[in-house]
Amino acid sequence: MKDLRAILTVDWSPDGAYIAVGMTGGYLGLYKWLSKEAEELWTTKVANEGIMSIRFHPKRTNLMVIGSWDKRVYLIDTYGSKLWDVDLGNPISSGALVLMVNI
């Protein structure tokens, strides 16, 4: 039986090519949009707790930043690799992550 994970947040890449899905348990999924359906590319655990926010980079759509209830922000590429992470000391909500990305 496959693990059941609740979807907490989603973001569509600016070029329309990808959909990122943040889930409970710290899982992140990436899907390629194929006009009328999506193909799952991968799902991997990137955080220790649920992913509450995802934002693709506005110009480098191979990068996304995620915020998790584990109080960390992660930079992830579209291959699922963690490029860096930082502990902010507080859980990240969507509003806080948007503000951080826009600074």
PDB file of N, CA and C in Angstrom:
ATOM      1  N   MET A   1       0.833  -1.179   0.000  1.00  0.00           N
ATOM      2  CA  MET A   1       0.000   0.000   0.000  1.00  0.00           C
ATOM      3  C   MET A   1       0.877   1.242   0.000  1.00  0.00           C
ATOM      4  N   LYS A   2       0.588   2.185  -0.845  1.00  0.00           N
ATOM      5  CA  LYS A   2       1.363   3.411  -0.957  1.00  0.00           C
ATOM      6  C   LYS A   2       1.069   4.331   0.223  1.00  0.00           C
ATOM      7  N   ASP A   3       2.108   5.050   0.697  1.00  0.00           N
ATOM      8  CA  ASP A   3       1.905   6.026   1.771  1.00  0.00           C
ATOM      9  C   ASP A   3       0.868   7.052   1.354  1.00  0.00           C
ATOM     10  N   LEU A   4       0.005   7.409   2.288  1.00  0.00           N
ATOM     11  CA  LEU A   4      -0.954   8.469   2.030  1.00  0.00           C
ATOM     12  C   LEU A   4      -0.365   9.769   2.550  1.00  0.00           C
ATOM     13  N   ARG A   5      -0.307  10.766   1.687  1.00  0.00           N
ATOM     14  CA  ARG A   5       0.235  12.070   2.059  1.00  0.00           C
ATOM     15  C   ARG A   5      -0.767  13.137   1.667  1.00  0.00           C
ATOM     16  N   ALA A   6      -0.988  14.076   2.562  1.00  0.00           N
ATOM     17  CA  ALA A   6      -1.882  15.189   2.252  1.00  0.00           C
ATOM     18  C   ALA A   6      -1.109  16.270   1.518  1.00  0.00           C
ATOM     19  N   ILE A   7      -1.745  16.890   0.543  1.00  0.00           N
ATOM     20  CA  ILE A   7      -1.145  18.010  -0.186  1.00  0.00           C
ATOM     21  C   ILE A   7      -1.365  19.271   0.633  1.00  0.00           C
ATOM     22  N   LEU A   8      -0.279  20.002   0.889  1.00  0.00           N
ATOM     23  CA  LEU A   8      -0.341  21.222   1.680  1.00  0.00           C
ATOM     24  C   LEU A   8      -0.189  22.490   0.841  1.00  0.00           C
ATOM     25  N   THR A   9       0.525  22.395  -0.278  1.00  0.00           N
ATOM     26  CA  THR A   9       0.764  23.569  -1.118  1.00  0.00           C
ATOM     27  C   THR A   9       1.158  23.123  -2.524  1.00  0.00           C
ATOM     28  N   VAL A  10       0.903  23.972  -3.497  1.00  0.00           N
ATOM     29  CA  VAL A  10       1.276  23.695  -4.892  1.00  0.00           C
ATOM     30  C   VAL A  10       1.755  24.994  -5.536  1.00  0.00           C
ATOM     31  N   ASP A  11       2.635  24.851  -6.528  1.00  0.00           N
ATOM     32  CA  ASP A  11       3.045  26.008  -7.323  1.00  0.00           C
ATOM     33  C   ASP A  11       3.313  25.548  -8.747  1.00  0.00           C
ATOM     34  N   TRP A  12       2.984  26.419  -9.684  1.00  0.00           N
ATOM     35  CA  TRP A  12       3.183  26.172 -11.104  1.00  0.00           C
ATOM     36  C   TRP A  12       4.368  27.008 -11.550  1.00  0.00           C
ATOM     37  N   SER A  13       5.299  26.421 -12.283  1.00  0.00           N
ATOM     38  CA  SER A  13       6.475  27.173 -12.736  1.00  0.00           C
ATOM     39  C   SER A  13       6.047  28.291 -13.687  1.00  0.00           C
ATOM     40  N   PRO A  14       6.771  29.416 -13.692  1.00  0.00           N
ATOM     41  CA  PRO A  14       6.405  30.548 -14.547  1.00  0.00           C
ATOM     42  C   PRO A  14       6.313  30.211 -16.035  1.00  0.00           C
ATOM     43  N   ASP A  15       7.099  29.230 -16.488  1.00  0.00           N
ATOM     44  CA  ASP A  15       7.046  28.850 -17.904  1.00  0.00           C
ATOM     45  C   ASP A  15       5.942  27.831 -18.195  1.00  0.00           C
ATOM     46  N   GLY A  16       5.206  27.400 -17.156  1.00  0.00           N
ATOM     47  CA  GLY A  16       4.101  26.470 -17.340  1.00  0.00           C
ATOM     48  C   GLY A  16       4.519  25.023 -17.529  1.00  0.00           C
ATOM     49  N   ALA A  17       5.809  24.714 -17.377  1.00  0.00           N
ATOM     50  CA  ALA A  17       6.292  23.363 -17.642  1.00  0.00           C
ATOM     51  C   ALA A  17       6.142  22.410 -16.457  1.00  0.00           C
ATOM     52  N   TYR A  18       6.182  22.932 -15.217  1.00  0.00           N
ATOM     53  CA  TYR A  18       6.208  22.077 -14.033  1.00  0.00           C
ATOM     54  C   TYR A  18       5.155  22.480 -13.015  1.00  0.00           C
ATOM     55  N   ILE A  19       4.713  21.492 -12.249  1.00  0.00           N
ATOM     56  CA  ILE A  19       3.869  21.709 -11.078  1.00  0.00           C
ATOM     57  C   ILE A  19       4.594  21.056  -9.908  1.00  0.00           C
ATOM     58  N   ALA A  20       4.859  21.834  -8.862  1.00  0.00           N
ATOM     59  CA  ALA A  20       5.484  21.308  -7.648  1.00  0.00           C
ATOM     60  C   ALA A  20       4.407  21.150  -6.583  1.00  0.00           C
ATOM     61  N   VAL A  21       4.487  20.057  -5.828  1.00  0.00           N
ATOM     62  CA  VAL A  21       3.483  19.731  -4.818  1.00  0.00           C
ATOM     63  C   VAL A  21       4.192  19.464  -3.493  1.00  0.00           C
ATOM     64  N   GLY A  22       3.857  20.263  -2.470  1.00  0.00           N
ATOM     65  CA  GLY A  22       4.390  20.067  -1.129  1.00  0.00           C
ATOM     66  C   GLY A  22       3.411  19.272  -0.292  1.00  0.00           C
ATOM     67  N   MET A  23       3.924  18.299   0.443  1.00  0.00           N
ATOM     68  CA  MET A  23       3.063  17.370   1.169  1.00  0.00           C
ATOM     69  C   MET A  23       3.472  17.226   2.632  1.00  0.00           C
ATOM     70  N   THR A  24       2.598  16.568   3.384  1.00  0.00           N
ATOM     71  CA  THR A  24       2.923  16.229   4.757  1.00  0.00           C
ATOM     72  C   THR A  24       4.157  15.326   4.772  1.00  0.00           C
ATOM     73  N   GLY A  25       4.826  15.296   5.911  1.00  0.00           N
ATOM     74  CA  GLY A  25       5.989  14.429   6.056  1.00  0.00           C
ATOM     75  C   GLY A  25       7.241  14.962   5.390  1.00  0.00           C
ATOM     76  N   GLY A  26       7.190  16.174   4.829  1.00  0.00           N
ATOM     77  CA  GLY A  26       8.364  16.758   4.187  1.00  0.00           C
ATOM     78  C   GLY A  26       8.596  16.305   2.755  1.00  0.00           C
ATOM     79  N   TYR A  27       7.572  15.744   2.120  1.00  0.00           N
ATOM     80  CA  TYR A  27       7.723  15.251   0.750  1.00  0.00           C
ATOM     81  C   TYR A  27       7.412  16.345  -0.266  1.00  0.00           C
ATOM     82  N   LEU A  28       8.190  16.349  -1.346  1.00  0.00           N
ATOM     83  CA  LEU A  28       8.013  17.267  -2.468  1.00  0.00           C
ATOM     84  C   LEU A  28       7.891  16.443  -3.738  1.00  0.00           C
ATOM     85  N   GLY A  29       6.881  16.734  -4.531  1.00  0.00           N
ATOM     86  CA  GLY A  29       6.698  16.049  -5.803  1.00  0.00           C
ATOM     87  C   GLY A  29       6.819  17.042  -6.946  1.00  0.00           C
ATOM     88  N   LEU A  30       7.335  16.589  -8.069  1.00  0.00           N
ATOM     89  CA  LEU A  30       7.426  17.435  -9.259  1.00  0.00           C
ATOM     90  C   LEU A  30       6.758  16.709 -10.419  1.00  0.00           C
ATOM     91  N   TYR A  31       5.926  17.459 -11.126  1.00  0.00           N
ATOM     92  CA  TYR A  31       5.170  16.931 -12.259  1.00  0.00           C
ATOM     93  C   TYR A  31       5.450  17.776 -13.486  1.00  0.00           C
ATOM     94  N   LYS A  32       5.557  17.135 -14.628  1.00  0.00           N
ATOM     95  CA  LYS A  32       5.698  17.838 -15.907  1.00  0.00           C
ATOM     96  C   LYS A  32       4.312  17.978 -16.511  1.00  0.00           C
ATOM     97  N   TRP A  33       3.958  19.210 -16.869  1.00  0.00           N
ATOM     98  CA  TRP A  33       2.643  19.470 -17.448  1.00  0.00           C
ATOM     99  C   TRP A  33       2.676  19.127 -18.923  1.00  0.00           C
ATOM    100  N   LEU A  34       1.736  18.296 -19.377  1.00  0.00           N
ATOM    101  CA  LEU A  34       1.690  17.809 -20.756  1.00  0.00           C
ATOM    102  C   LEU A  34       0.400  18.246 -21.441  1.00  0.00           C
ATOM    103  N   SER A  35       0.065  19.498 -21.370  1.00  0.00           N
ATOM    104  CA  SER A  35      -1.092  20.087 -22.031  1.00  0.00           C
ATOM    105  C   SER A  35      -2.415  19.795 -21.338  1.00  0.00           C
ATOM    106  N   LYS A  36      -2.760  18.522 -21.154  1.00  0.00           N
ATOM    107  CA  LYS A  36      -4.034  18.192 -20.513  1.00  0.00           C
ATOM    108  C   LYS A  36      -3.877  17.258 -19.323  1.00  0.00           C
ATOM    109  N   GLU A  37      -2.666  16.868 -19.031  1.00  0.00           N
ATOM    110  CA  GLU A  37      -2.410  15.989 -17.897  1.00  0.00           C
ATOM    111  C   GLU A  37      -0.992  16.221 -17.408  1.00  0.00           C
ATOM    112  N   ALA A  38      -0.696  15.665 -16.237  1.00  0.00           N
ATOM    113  CA  ALA A  38       0.631  15.820 -15.646  1.00  0.00           C
ATOM    114  C   ALA A  38       1.286  14.458 -15.485  1.00  0.00           C
ATOM    115  N   GLU A  39       2.581  14.420 -15.738  1.00  0.00           N
ATOM    116  CA  GLU A  39       3.377  13.204 -15.559  1.00  0.00           C
ATOM    117  C   GLU A  39       4.272  13.392 -14.348  1.00  0.00           C
ATOM    118  N   GLU A  40       4.180  12.466 -13.379  1.00  0.00           N
ATOM    119  CA  GLU A  40       5.036  12.566 -12.197  1.00  0.00           C
ATOM    120  C   GLU A  40       6.482  12.302 -12.591  1.00  0.00           C
ATOM    121  N   LEU A  41       7.367  13.239 -12.265  1.00  0.00           N
ATOM    122  CA  LEU A  41       8.796  13.063 -12.515  1.00  0.00           C
ATOM    123  C   LEU A  41       9.467  12.415 -11.308  1.00  0.00           C
ATOM    124  N   TRP A  42       9.132  12.895 -10.127  1.00  0.00           N
ATOM    125  CA  TRP A  42       9.673  12.325  -8.899  1.00  0.00           C
ATOM    126  C   TRP A  42       8.920  12.850  -7.686  1.00  0.00           C
ATOM    127  N   THR A  43       9.020  12.097  -6.600  1.00  0.00           N
ATOM    128  CA  THR A  43       8.584  12.522  -5.270  1.00  0.00           C
ATOM    129  C   THR A  43       9.684  12.099  -4.318  1.00  0.00           C
ATOM    130  N   THR A  44      10.140  13.030  -3.483  1.00  0.00           N
ATOM    131  CA  THR A  44      11.233  12.736  -2.572  1.00  0.00           C
ATOM    132  C   THR A  44      11.045  13.494  -1.264  1.00  0.00           C
ATOM    133  N   LYS A  45      11.638  12.990  -0.221  1.00  0.00           N
ATOM    134  CA  LYS A  45      11.592  13.656   1.083  1.00  0.00           C
ATOM    135  C   LYS A  45      12.707  14.695   1.116  1.00  0.00           C
ATOM    136  N   VAL A  46      12.336  15.963   1.289  1.00  0.00           N
ATOM    137  CA  VAL A  46      13.338  17.033   1.320  1.00  0.00           C
ATOM    138  C   VAL A  46      13.380  17.766   2.651  1.00  0.00           C
ATOM    139  N   ALA A  47      12.366  17.575   3.497  1.00  0.00           N
ATOM    140  CA  ALA A  47      12.302  18.261   4.787  1.00  0.00           C
ATOM    141  C   ALA A  47      11.900  17.262   5.866  1.00  0.00           C
ATOM    142  N   ASN A  48      12.060  17.676   7.111  1.00  0.00           N
ATOM    143  CA  ASN A  48      11.714  16.794   8.226  1.00  0.00           C
ATOM    144  C   ASN A  48      10.235  16.851   8.589  1.00  0.00           C
ATOM    145  N   GLU A  49       9.562  17.942   8.208  1.00  0.00           N
ATOM    146  CA  GLU A  49       8.138  18.096   8.495  1.00  0.00           C
ATOM    147  C   GLU A  49       7.441  18.601   7.238  1.00  0.00           C
ATOM    148  N   GLY A  50       6.143  18.824   7.322  1.00  0.00           N
ATOM    149  CA  GLY A  50       5.348  19.205   6.159  1.00  0.00           C
ATOM    150  C   GLY A  50       5.843  20.445   5.431  1.00  0.00           C
ATOM    151  N   ILE A  51       5.731  20.420   4.116  1.00  0.00           N
ATOM    152  CA  ILE A  51       6.114  21.561   3.277  1.00  0.00           C
ATOM    153  C   ILE A  51       4.907  22.483   3.171  1.00  0.00           C
ATOM    154  N   MET A  52       5.062  23.700   3.675  1.00  0.00           N
ATOM    155  CA  MET A  52       3.956  24.643   3.741  1.00  0.00           C
ATOM    156  C   MET A  52       3.962  25.655   2.598  1.00  0.00           C
ATOM    157  N   SER A  53       5.103  25.864   1.952  1.00  0.00           N
ATOM    158  CA  SER A  53       5.204  26.872   0.888  1.00  0.00           C
ATOM    159  C   SER A  53       6.164  26.416  -0.188  1.00  0.00           C
ATOM    160  N   ILE A  54       5.811  26.712  -1.438  1.00  0.00           N
ATOM    161  CA  ILE A  54       6.693  26.458  -2.582  1.00  0.00           C
ATOM    162  C   ILE A  54       6.603  27.671  -3.489  1.00  0.00           C
ATOM    163  N   ARG A  55       7.733  28.111  -4.003  1.00  0.00           N
ATOM    164  CA  ARG A  55       7.746  29.148  -5.034  1.00  0.00           C
ATOM    165  C   ARG A  55       8.870  28.837  -6.008  1.00  0.00           C
ATOM    166  N   PHE A  56       8.531  28.802  -7.293  1.00  0.00           N
ATOM    167  CA  PHE A  56       9.556  28.686  -8.324  1.00  0.00           C
ATOM    168  C   PHE A  56      10.254  30.028  -8.478  1.00  0.00           C
ATOM    169  N   HIS A  57      11.530  29.970  -8.850  1.00  0.00           N
ATOM    170  CA  HIS A  57      12.259  31.191  -9.190  1.00  0.00           C
ATOM    171  C   HIS A  57      11.577  31.800 -10.412  1.00  0.00           C
ATOM    172  N   PRO A  58      11.374  33.118 -10.456  1.00  0.00           N
ATOM    173  CA  PRO A  58      10.634  33.709 -11.572  1.00  0.00           C
ATOM    174  C   PRO A  58      11.338  33.618 -12.930  1.00  0.00           C
ATOM    175  N   LYS A  59      12.659  33.480 -12.950  1.00  0.00           N
ATOM    176  CA  LYS A  59      13.381  33.401 -14.230  1.00  0.00           C
ATOM    177  C   LYS A  59      14.124  32.092 -14.411  1.00  0.00           C
ATOM    178  N   ARG A  60      14.650  31.534 -13.342  1.00  0.00           N
ATOM    179  CA  ARG A  60      15.365  30.252 -13.417  1.00  0.00           C
ATOM    180  C   ARG A  60      14.407  29.159 -12.945  1.00  0.00           C
ATOM    181  N   THR A  61      13.549  28.714 -13.849  1.00  0.00           N
ATOM    182  CA  THR A  61      12.466  27.814 -13.473  1.00  0.00           C
ATOM    183  C   THR A  61      12.936  26.405 -13.116  1.00  0.00           C
ATOM    184  N   ASN A  62      14.231  26.170 -13.128  1.00  0.00           N
ATOM    185  CA  ASN A  62      14.756  24.899 -12.637  1.00  0.00           C
ATOM    186  C   ASN A  62      15.014  24.955 -11.134  1.00  0.00           C
ATOM    187  N   LEU A  63      14.692  26.096 -10.495  1.00  0.00           N
ATOM    188  CA  LEU A  63      14.910  26.260  -9.061  1.00  0.00           C
ATOM    189  C   LEU A  63      13.609  26.595  -8.348  1.00  0.00           C
ATOM    190  N   MET A  64      13.461  26.076  -7.151  1.00  0.00           N
ATOM    191  CA  MET A  64      12.320  26.436  -6.315  1.00  0.00           C
ATOM    192  C   MET A  64      12.777  26.537  -4.870  1.00  0.00           C
ATOM    193  N   VAL A  65      12.112  27.393  -4.131  1.00  0.00           N
ATOM    194  CA  VAL A  65      12.383  27.542  -2.713  1.00  0.00           C
ATOM    195  C   VAL A  65      11.164  26.996  -1.977  1.00  0.00           C
ATOM    196  N   ILE A  66      11.421  26.242  -0.908  1.00  0.00           N
ATOM    197  CA  ILE A  66      10.321  25.690  -0.127  1.00  0.00           C
ATOM    198  C   ILE A  66      10.500  26.067   1.333  1.00  0.00           C
ATOM    199  N   GLY A  67       9.388  26.217   2.027  1.00  0.00           N
ATOM    200  CA  GLY A  67       9.390  26.459   3.462  1.00  0.00           C
ATOM    201  C   GLY A  67       8.676  25.318   4.147  1.00  0.00           C
ATOM    202  N   SER A  68       9.220  24.894   5.275  1.00  0.00           N
ATOM    203  CA  SER A  68       8.687  23.729   5.967  1.00  0.00           C
ATOM    204  C   SER A  68       8.400  24.041   7.432  1.00  0.00           C
ATOM    205  N   TRP A  69       7.535  23.237   8.023  1.00  0.00           N
ATOM    206  CA  TRP A  69       7.272  23.343   9.454  1.00  0.00           C
ATOM    207  C   TRP A  69       8.478  22.940  10.275  1.00  0.00           C
ATOM    208  N   ASP A  70       9.543  22.433   9.664  1.00  0.00           N
ATOM    209  CA  ASP A  70      10.764  22.133  10.421  1.00  0.00           C
ATOM    210  C   ASP A  70      11.618  23.388  10.623  1.00  0.00           C
ATOM    211  N   LYS A  71      11.047  24.560  10.292  1.00  0.00           N
ATOM    212  CA  LYS A  71      11.657  25.877  10.512  1.00  0.00           C
ATOM    213  C   LYS A  71      12.814  26.157   9.561  1.00  0.00           C
ATOM    214  N   ARG A  72      12.833  25.481   8.408  1.00  0.00           N
ATOM    215  CA  ARG A  72      13.914  25.651   7.452  1.00  0.00           C
ATOM    216  C   ARG A  72      13.366  26.090   6.102  1.00  0.00           C
ATOM    217  N   VAL A  73      14.216  26.793   5.365  1.00  0.00           N
ATOM    218  CA  VAL A  73      13.949  27.129   3.968  1.00  0.00           C
ATOM    219  C   VAL A  73      14.975  26.370   3.138  1.00  0.00           C
ATOM    220  N   TYR A  74      14.505  25.753   2.055  1.00  0.00           N
ATOM    221  CA  TYR A  74      15.366  24.930   1.206  1.00  0.00           C
ATOM    222  C   TYR A  74      15.349  25.464  -0.222  1.00  0.00           C
ATOM    223  N   LEU A  75      16.476  25.402  -0.887  1.00  0.00           N
ATOM    224  CA  LEU A  75      16.554  25.654  -2.324  1.00  0.00           C
ATOM    225  C   LEU A  75      16.724  24.295  -2.993  1.00  0.00           C
ATOM    226  N   ILE A  76      15.770  23.964  -3.888  1.00  0.00           N
ATOM    227  CA  ILE A  76      15.721  22.653  -4.532  1.00  0.00           C
ATOM    228  C   ILE A  76      15.739  22.858  -6.038  1.00  0.00           C
ATOM    229  N   ASP A  77      16.434  21.987  -6.768  1.00  0.00           N
ATOM    230  CA  ASP A  77      16.369  22.078  -8.230  1.00  0.00           C
ATOM    231  C   ASP A  77      15.338  21.080  -8.763  1.00  0.00           C
ATOM    232  N   THR A  78      15.069  21.146 -10.038  1.00  0.00           N
ATOM    233  CA  THR A  78      14.027  20.294 -10.622  1.00  0.00           C
ATOM    234  C   THR A  78      14.461  18.833 -10.753  1.00  0.00           C
ATOM    235  N   TYR A  79      15.672  18.500 -10.282  1.00  0.00           N
ATOM    236  CA  TYR A  79      16.103  17.103 -10.200  1.00  0.00           C
ATOM    237  C   TYR A  79      15.885  16.548  -8.798  1.00  0.00           C
ATOM    238  N   GLY A  80      15.408  17.398  -7.872  1.00  0.00           N
ATOM    239  CA  GLY A  80      15.158  16.979  -6.506  1.00  0.00           C
ATOM    240  C   GLY A  80      16.344  17.127  -5.576  1.00  0.00           C
ATOM    241  N   SER A  81      17.396  17.797  -6.038  1.00  0.00           N
ATOM    242  CA  SER A  81      18.597  17.978  -5.212  1.00  0.00           C
ATOM    243  C   SER A  81      18.458  19.209  -4.325  1.00  0.00           C
ATOM    244  N   LYS A  82      18.847  19.058  -3.058  1.00  0.00           N
ATOM    245  CA  LYS A  82      18.913  20.194  -2.142  1.00  0.00           C
ATOM    246  C   LYS A  82      20.191  20.950  -2.431  1.00  0.00           C
ATOM    247  N   LEU A  83      20.060  22.232  -2.783  1.00  0.00           N
ATOM    248  CA  LEU A  83      21.233  23.048  -3.070  1.00  0.00           C
ATOM    249  C   LEU A  83      21.714  23.778  -1.823  1.00  0.00           C
ATOM    250  N   TRP A  84      20.799  24.181  -0.962  1.00  0.00           N
ATOM    251  CA  TRP A  84      21.128  24.710   0.359  1.00  0.00           C
ATOM    252  C   TRP A  84      19.877  24.757   1.198  1.00  0.00           C
ATOM    253  N   ASP A  85      20.095  24.924   2.518  1.00  0.00           N
ATOM    254  CA  ASP A  85      18.973  25.157   3.413  1.00  0.00           C
ATOM    255  C   ASP A  85      19.456  26.003   4.580  1.00  0.00           C
ATOM    256  N   VAL A  86      18.519  26.694   5.202  1.00  0.00           N
ATOM    257  CA  VAL A  86      18.844  27.566   6.327  1.00  0.00           C
ATOM    258  C   VAL A  86      17.740  27.437   7.376  1.00  0.00           C
ATOM    259  N   ASP A  87      18.139  27.443   8.641  1.00  0.00           N
ATOM    260  CA  ASP A  87      17.195  27.379   9.755  1.00  0.00           C
ATOM    261  C   ASP A  87      16.792  28.796  10.125  1.00  0.00           C
ATOM    262  N   LEU A  88      15.495  29.102  10.051  1.00  0.00           N
ATOM    263  CA  LEU A  88      15.000  30.433  10.385  1.00  0.00           C
ATOM    264  C   LEU A  88      14.477  30.525  11.807  1.00  0.00           C
ATOM    265  N   GLY A  89      14.358  29.409  12.494  1.00  0.00           N
ATOM    266  CA  GLY A  89      13.927  29.423  13.874  1.00  0.00           C
ATOM    267  C   GLY A  89      12.425  29.476  14.076  1.00  0.00           C
ATOM    268  N   ASN A  90      11.639  29.674  13.010  1.00  0.00           N
ATOM    269  CA  ASN A  90      10.183  29.702  13.095  1.00  0.00           C
ATOM    270  C   ASN A  90       9.608  28.929  11.927  1.00  0.00           C
ATOM    271  N   PRO A  91       8.458  28.262  12.124  1.00  0.00           N
ATOM    272  CA  PRO A  91       7.821  27.598  10.984  1.00  0.00           C
ATOM    273  C   PRO A  91       7.495  28.604   9.884  1.00  0.00           C
ATOM    274  N   ILE A  92       7.559  28.175   8.628  1.00  0.00           N
ATOM    275  CA  ILE A  92       7.361  29.039   7.481  1.00  0.00           C
ATOM    276  C   ILE A  92       5.937  28.899   6.973  1.00  0.00           C
ATOM    277  N   SER A  93       5.256  30.017   6.813  1.00  0.00           N
ATOM    278  CA  SER A  93       3.937  30.006   6.190  1.00  0.00           C
ATOM    279  C   SER A  93       4.061  30.637   4.798  1.00  0.00           C
ATOM    280  N   SER A  94       3.055  30.515   3.986  1.00  0.00           N
ATOM    281  CA  SER A  94       3.123  31.033   2.613  1.00  0.00           C
ATOM    282  C   SER A  94       3.446  32.501   2.571  1.00  0.00           C
ATOM    283  N   GLY A  95       2.803  33.315   3.370  1.00  0.00           N
ATOM    284  CA  GLY A  95       3.044  34.756   3.364  1.00  0.00           C
ATOM    285  C   GLY A  95       4.479  35.105   3.704  1.00  0.00           C
ATOM    286  N   ALA A  96       5.033  34.433   4.706  1.00  0.00           N
ATOM    287  CA  ALA A  96       6.414  34.717   5.113  1.00  0.00           C
ATOM    288  C   ALA A  96       7.393  34.336   4.016  1.00  0.00           C
ATOM    289  N   LEU A  97       7.125  33.250   3.309  1.00  0.00           N
ATOM    290  CA  LEU A  97       8.032  32.817   2.254  1.00  0.00           C
ATOM    291  C   LEU A  97       7.970  33.749   1.050  1.00  0.00           C
ATOM    292  N   VAL A  98       6.798  34.199   0.693  1.00  0.00           N
ATOM    293  CA  VAL A  98       6.671  35.133  -0.427  1.00  0.00           C
ATOM    294  C   VAL A  98       7.454  36.398  -0.135  1.00  0.00           C
ATOM    295  N   LEU A  99       7.330  36.924   1.083  1.00  0.00           N
ATOM    296  CA  LEU A  99       8.055  38.124   1.473  1.00  0.00           C
ATOM    297  C   LEU A  99       9.550  37.885   1.368  1.00  0.00           C
ATOM    298  N   MET A 100      10.002  36.741   1.844  1.00  0.00           N
ATOM    299  CA  MET A 100      11.433  36.448   1.811  1.00  0.00           C
ATOM    300  C   MET A 100      11.950  36.345   0.383  1.00  0.00           C
ATOM    301  N   VAL A 101      11.203  35.736  -0.502  1.00  0.00           N
ATOM    302  CA  VAL A 101      11.641  35.564  -1.884  1.00  0.00           C
ATOM    303  C   VAL A 101      11.688  36.917  -2.602  1.00  0.00           C
ATOM    304  N   ASN A 102      10.775  37.822  -2.283  1.00  0.00           N
ATOM    305  CA  ASN A 102      10.714  39.102  -2.986  1.00  0.00           C
ATOM    306  C   ASN A 102      11.738  40.124  -2.520  1.00  0.00           C
ATOM    307  N   ILE A 103      12.401  39.897  -1.414  1.00  0.00           N
ATOM    308  CA  ILE A 103      13.384  40.886  -0.900  1.00  0.00           C
ATOM    309  C   ILE A 103      14.595  40.948  -1.795  1.00  0.00           C
TER     310      ILE A 103
END
